[in-house]
């Protein structure tokens, strides 16, 4: 979990796995990468961490704080097993371009979620129960997804599009330097 203290909140009883050293390192790394224009793709914790790094907040536990939210952390489910739907809500997004669709069936392994998006980030995808499942920023490539596309690529090769977009952005940055 990203510690709630990183965004000025008191941890709830459901927040159990924390590392202030890891948070500090990753938050500083994200800030430095953004300052330097390094392309970033945040996956699951990375999605949450990027939001916090740039001034956003998190839901500490979906089950406790989001009435009506579906399950987002199914116990015992294989990483490559899709679990719920996500809608791409921004047709002009990098996410839409990378995946080529407006509706995705994704895996899910999180109990925290984006509450308030950081300034400069815009929502690009949401679950049917209303949680932010994707965001991005204008300018240098910065994209976050709440699911785990890396675990889906073997069965669902369309998810490779996210990694191709990241590699393309890195190549373009390198060429421009």
Foldseek 3Di string as FASTA:
>chain_A
DQDQVLQPDHADPPDDDDDPVVLVVLLVVLVVCVVVLQADEAEAVGLVSNQSSQRFGKDNFCVVPQPPDDDQADPPDDLQDFDFKKAFPDCPDLVCVLLVDGMDGFHGHDGMATDGGHPQKDQGMATPSGTRQKIFGPDRHDIYGNGDLVSHCVVPVSSCSVVVSSVVSNVVVVVVD
